[in-house]
């Protein structure tokens, strides 16, 4: 017995348009992926007056610089809220927590007590070394 002949499959023009759009989007994404520098890579900046190229690494430090104005050392037993906020990695809520701990416990007797303040861990404490003191200098 002979097999019946199947009619050839016809693909509609709408399918070809959709296929072309998807291919175009895929190629655009691939092109953007290949031409965009990775995060953290150095970006070449060209000064307007010179023809030399300056390479600046993109890091979190270049996006958010540390405050330049502020005391070199802060007495954590007498500092105001604004002075505590000038310390590295100390924001308004953390400064408020330091002041609350200070009021609740009658002041700090050692710098290690900062580790008892909620939100201050070993890394934050290490970053505060050299910026905090128990007495005015």
C-alpha atoms as a PDB file:
ATOM      1  CA  UNK A   1       0.000   0.000   0.000  1.00  0.00           C
ATOM      2  CA  UNK A   2       1.290   3.443  -0.924  1.00  0.00           C
ATOM      3  CA  UNK A   3       1.471   6.287   1.533  1.00  0.00           C
ATOM      4  CA  UNK A   4      -0.794   9.200   0.799  1.00  0.00           C
ATOM      5  CA  UNK A   5       0.972  12.374  -0.328  1.00  0.00           C
ATOM      6  CA  UNK A   6       1.082  15.091   2.304  1.00  0.00           C
ATOM      7  CA  UNK A   7       0.484  18.671   1.300  1.00  0.00           C
ATOM      8  CA  UNK A   8       3.563  20.878   1.680  1.00  0.00           C
ATOM      9  CA  UNK A   9       3.561  22.971   4.854  1.00  0.00           C
ATOM     10  CA  UNK A  10       3.066  26.693   4.195  1.00  0.00           C
ATOM     11  CA  UNK A  11       4.359  29.261   6.683  1.00  0.00           C
ATOM     12  CA  UNK A  12       2.331  32.451   6.869  1.00  0.00           C
ATOM     13  CA  UNK A  13       3.923  35.880   6.220  1.00  0.00           C
ATOM     14  CA  UNK A  14       3.041  36.992   9.780  1.00  0.00           C
ATOM     15  CA  UNK A  15       5.249  34.244  11.145  1.00  0.00           C
ATOM     16  CA  UNK A  16       8.175  35.468   9.006  1.00  0.00           C
ATOM     17  CA  UNK A  17       7.674  39.057  10.267  1.00  0.00           C
ATOM     18  CA  UNK A  18       7.682  37.851  13.877  1.00  0.00           C
ATOM     19  CA  UNK A  19      10.761  35.731  13.215  1.00  0.00           C
ATOM     20  CA  UNK A  20      12.565  38.742  11.724  1.00  0.00           C
ATOM     21  CA  UNK A  21      11.681  40.937  14.707  1.00  0.00           C
ATOM     22  CA  UNK A  22      12.906  38.359  17.204  1.00  0.00           C
ATOM     23  CA  UNK A  23      16.165  37.887  15.312  1.00  0.00           C
ATOM     24  CA  UNK A  24      16.660  41.653  15.203  1.00  0.00           C
ATOM     25  CA  UNK A  25      16.070  41.997  18.943  1.00  0.00           C
ATOM     26  CA  UNK A  26      18.438  39.141  19.660  1.00  0.00           C
ATOM     27  CA  UNK A  27      21.179  40.669  17.514  1.00  0.00           C
ATOM     28  CA  UNK A  28      20.669  44.076  19.159  1.00  0.00           C
ATOM     29  CA  UNK A  29      21.003  42.531  22.629  1.00  0.00           C
ATOM     30  CA  UNK A  30      24.118  40.639  21.594  1.00  0.00           C
ATOM     31  CA  UNK A  31      25.656  43.785  20.109  1.00  0.00           C
ATOM     32  CA  UNK A  32      24.954  45.765  23.292  1.00  0.00           C
ATOM     33  CA  UNK A  33      26.362  42.970  25.429  1.00  0.00           C
ATOM     34  CA  UNK A  34      29.583  42.827  23.414  1.00  0.00           C
ATOM     35  CA  UNK A  35      30.145  46.601  23.255  1.00  0.00           C
ATOM     36  CA  UNK A  36      29.248  47.645  26.840  1.00  0.00           C
ATOM     37  CA  UNK A  37      32.197  47.633  29.277  1.00  0.00           C
ATOM     38  CA  UNK A  38      31.740  45.363  32.307  1.00  0.00           C
ATOM     39  CA  UNK A  39      30.890  46.867  35.695  1.00  0.00           C
ATOM     40  CA  UNK A  40      33.971  47.937  37.581  1.00  0.00           C
ATOM     41  CA  UNK A  41      36.073  48.276  34.433  1.00  0.00           C
ATOM     42  CA  UNK A  42      38.163  51.386  33.830  1.00  0.00           C
ATOM     43  CA  UNK A  43      36.594  53.979  31.580  1.00  0.00           C
ATOM     44  CA  UNK A  44      38.750  56.183  29.355  1.00  0.00           C
ATOM     45  CA  UNK A  45      38.009  59.873  29.885  1.00  0.00           C
ATOM     46  CA  UNK A  46      39.293  62.422  27.415  1.00  0.00           C
ATOM     47  CA  UNK A  47      39.965  65.928  28.766  1.00  0.00           C
ATOM     48  CA  UNK A  48      38.738  68.748  26.532  1.00  0.00           C
ATOM     49  CA  UNK A  49      42.117  70.519  26.378  1.00  0.00           C
ATOM     50  CA  UNK A  50      44.552  67.595  26.227  1.00  0.00           C
ATOM     51  CA  UNK A  51      44.766  64.569  24.001  1.00  0.00           C
ATOM     52  CA  UNK A  52      45.965  62.218  26.772  1.00  0.00           C
ATOM     53  CA  UNK A  53      43.681  59.538  28.149  1.00  0.00           C
ATOM     54  CA  UNK A  54      42.979  59.231  31.872  1.00  0.00           C
ATOM     55  CA  UNK A  55      41.836  55.847  33.175  1.00  0.00           C
ATOM     56  CA  UNK A  56      39.554  56.047  36.206  1.00  0.00           C
ATOM     57  CA  UNK A  57      38.413  52.775  37.790  1.00  0.00           C
ATOM     58  CA  UNK A  58      34.695  52.753  38.515  1.00  0.00           C
ATOM     59  CA  UNK A  59      34.198  51.725  42.122  1.00  0.00           C
ATOM     60  CA  UNK A  60      31.800  52.604  44.894  1.00  0.00           C
ATOM     61  CA  UNK A  61      34.418  55.027  46.230  1.00  0.00           C
ATOM     62  CA  UNK A  62      34.358  57.073  43.023  1.00  0.00           C
ATOM     63  CA  UNK A  63      30.552  57.226  43.084  1.00  0.00           C
ATOM     64  CA  UNK A  64      30.125  58.142  46.768  1.00  0.00           C
ATOM     65  CA  UNK A  65      33.160  59.946  48.176  1.00  0.00           C
ATOM     66  CA  UNK A  66      33.664  60.181  51.906  1.00  0.00           C
ATOM     67  CA  UNK A  67      32.890  63.545  53.456  1.00  0.00           C
ATOM     68  CA  UNK A  68      35.894  65.850  53.324  1.00  0.00           C
ATOM     69  CA  UNK A  69      34.818  68.257  56.042  1.00  0.00           C
ATOM     70  CA  UNK A  70      34.730  66.953  59.554  1.00  0.00           C
ATOM     71  CA  UNK A  71      36.702  66.451  62.720  1.00  0.00           C
ATOM     72  CA  UNK A  72      39.687  64.174  62.740  1.00  0.00           C
ATOM     73  CA  UNK A  73      38.600  62.550  66.008  1.00  0.00           C
ATOM     74  CA  UNK A  74      35.178  62.548  67.641  1.00  0.00           C
ATOM     75  CA  UNK A  75      34.579  62.105  71.356  1.00  0.00           C
ATOM     76  CA  UNK A  76      31.783  59.536  71.365  1.00  0.00           C
ATOM     77  CA  UNK A  77      30.743  60.529  74.904  1.00  0.00           C
ATOM     78  CA  UNK A  78      30.088  64.206  74.097  1.00  0.00           C
ATOM     79  CA  UNK A  79      29.620  64.371  70.309  1.00  0.00           C
ATOM     80  CA  UNK A  80      26.444  65.852  68.848  1.00  0.00           C
ATOM     81  CA  UNK A  81      24.338  63.943  66.336  1.00  0.00           C
ATOM     82  CA  UNK A  82      25.825  65.895  63.409  1.00  0.00           C
ATOM     83  CA  UNK A  83      29.389  65.092  64.529  1.00  0.00           C
ATOM     84  CA  UNK A  84      28.633  61.376  64.773  1.00  0.00           C
ATOM     85  CA  UNK A  85      27.172  61.401  61.239  1.00  0.00           C
ATOM     86  CA  UNK A  86      30.553  62.621  59.904  1.00  0.00           C
ATOM     87  CA  UNK A  87      32.168  59.340  60.933  1.00  0.00           C
ATOM     88  CA  UNK A  88      32.733  56.774  58.151  1.00  0.00           C
ATOM     89  CA  UNK A  89      29.822  54.335  57.634  1.00  0.00           C
ATOM     90  CA  UNK A  90      27.695  56.121  60.261  1.00  0.00           C
ATOM     91  CA  UNK A  91      24.415  57.515  58.993  1.00  0.00           C
ATOM     92  CA  UNK A  92      21.607  59.317  60.810  1.00  0.00           C
ATOM     93  CA  UNK A  93      20.002  56.176  62.251  1.00  0.00           C
ATOM     94  CA  UNK A  94      23.328  54.722  63.420  1.00  0.00           C
ATOM     95  CA  UNK A  95      24.293  58.058  65.027  1.00  0.00           C
ATOM     96  CA  UNK A  96      20.927  58.060  66.803  1.00  0.00           C
ATOM     97  CA  UNK A  97      21.587  54.496  68.028  1.00  0.00           C
ATOM     98  CA  UNK A  98      24.994  55.562  69.416  1.00  0.00           C
ATOM     99  CA  UNK A  99      23.401  58.480  71.259  1.00  0.00           C
ATOM    100  CA  UNK A 100      20.606  56.248  72.622  1.00  0.00           C
ATOM    101  CA  UNK A 101      23.143  53.692  73.882  1.00  0.00           C
ATOM    102  CA  UNK A 102      25.202  56.500  75.454  1.00  0.00           C
ATOM    103  CA  UNK A 103      22.151  57.909  77.272  1.00  0.00           C
ATOM    104  CA  UNK A 104      20.918  54.478  78.383  1.00  0.00           C
ATOM    105  CA  UNK A 105      24.288  53.304  79.761  1.00  0.00           C
ATOM    106  CA  UNK A 106      25.729  56.621  80.991  1.00  0.00           C
ATOM    107  CA  UNK A 107      28.465  56.936  78.365  1.00  0.00           C
ATOM    108  CA  UNK A 108      31.178  54.714  76.987  1.00  0.00           C
ATOM    109  CA  UNK A 109      33.990  53.484  79.228  1.00  0.00           C
ATOM    110  CA  UNK A 110      35.931  51.838  76.395  1.00  0.00           C
ATOM    111  CA  UNK A 111      35.874  51.997  72.624  1.00  0.00           C
ATOM    112  CA  UNK A 112      35.015  48.277  72.501  1.00  0.00           C
ATOM    113  CA  UNK A 113      31.571  49.142  73.887  1.00  0.00           C
ATOM    114  CA  UNK A 114      30.686  50.449  70.417  1.00  0.00           C
ATOM    115  CA  UNK A 115      30.278  46.797  69.437  1.00  0.00           C
ATOM    116  CA  UNK A 116      27.291  46.659  71.832  1.00  0.00           C
ATOM    117  CA  UNK A 117      25.437  49.313  69.812  1.00  0.00           C
ATOM    118  CA  UNK A 118      22.871  47.612  67.559  1.00  0.00           C
ATOM    119  CA  UNK A 119      24.056  47.779  63.944  1.00  0.00           C
ATOM    120  CA  UNK A 120      27.768  48.180  64.653  1.00  0.00           C
ATOM    121  CA  UNK A 121      29.658  45.038  63.846  1.00  0.00           C
ATOM    122  CA  UNK A 122      33.361  44.226  63.678  1.00  0.00           C
ATOM    123  CA  UNK A 123      33.811  45.727  60.184  1.00  0.00           C
ATOM    124  CA  UNK A 124      32.134  49.014  61.076  1.00  0.00           C
ATOM    125  CA  UNK A 125      34.051  49.143  64.354  1.00  0.00           C
ATOM    126  CA  UNK A 126      37.317  48.557  62.495  1.00  0.00           C
ATOM    127  CA  UNK A 127      36.507  51.426  60.123  1.00  0.00           C
ATOM    128  CA  UNK A 128      35.931  53.757  63.091  1.00  0.00           C
ATOM    129  CA  UNK A 129      39.373  53.135  64.590  1.00  0.00           C
ATOM    130  CA  UNK A 130      41.348  56.373  64.585  1.00  0.00           C
ATOM    131  CA  UNK A 131      38.210  58.507  64.248  1.00  0.00           C
ATOM    132  CA  UNK A 132      36.698  58.008  67.702  1.00  0.00           C
ATOM    133  CA  UNK A 133      37.993  58.762  71.178  1.00  0.00           C
ATOM    134  CA  UNK A 134      36.716  58.715  74.745  1.00  0.00           C
ATOM    135  CA  UNK A 135      38.195  62.108  75.651  1.00  0.00           C
ATOM    136  CA  UNK A 136      38.653  65.429  73.867  1.00  0.00           C
ATOM    137  CA  UNK A 137      42.138  65.819  72.496  1.00  0.00           C
END
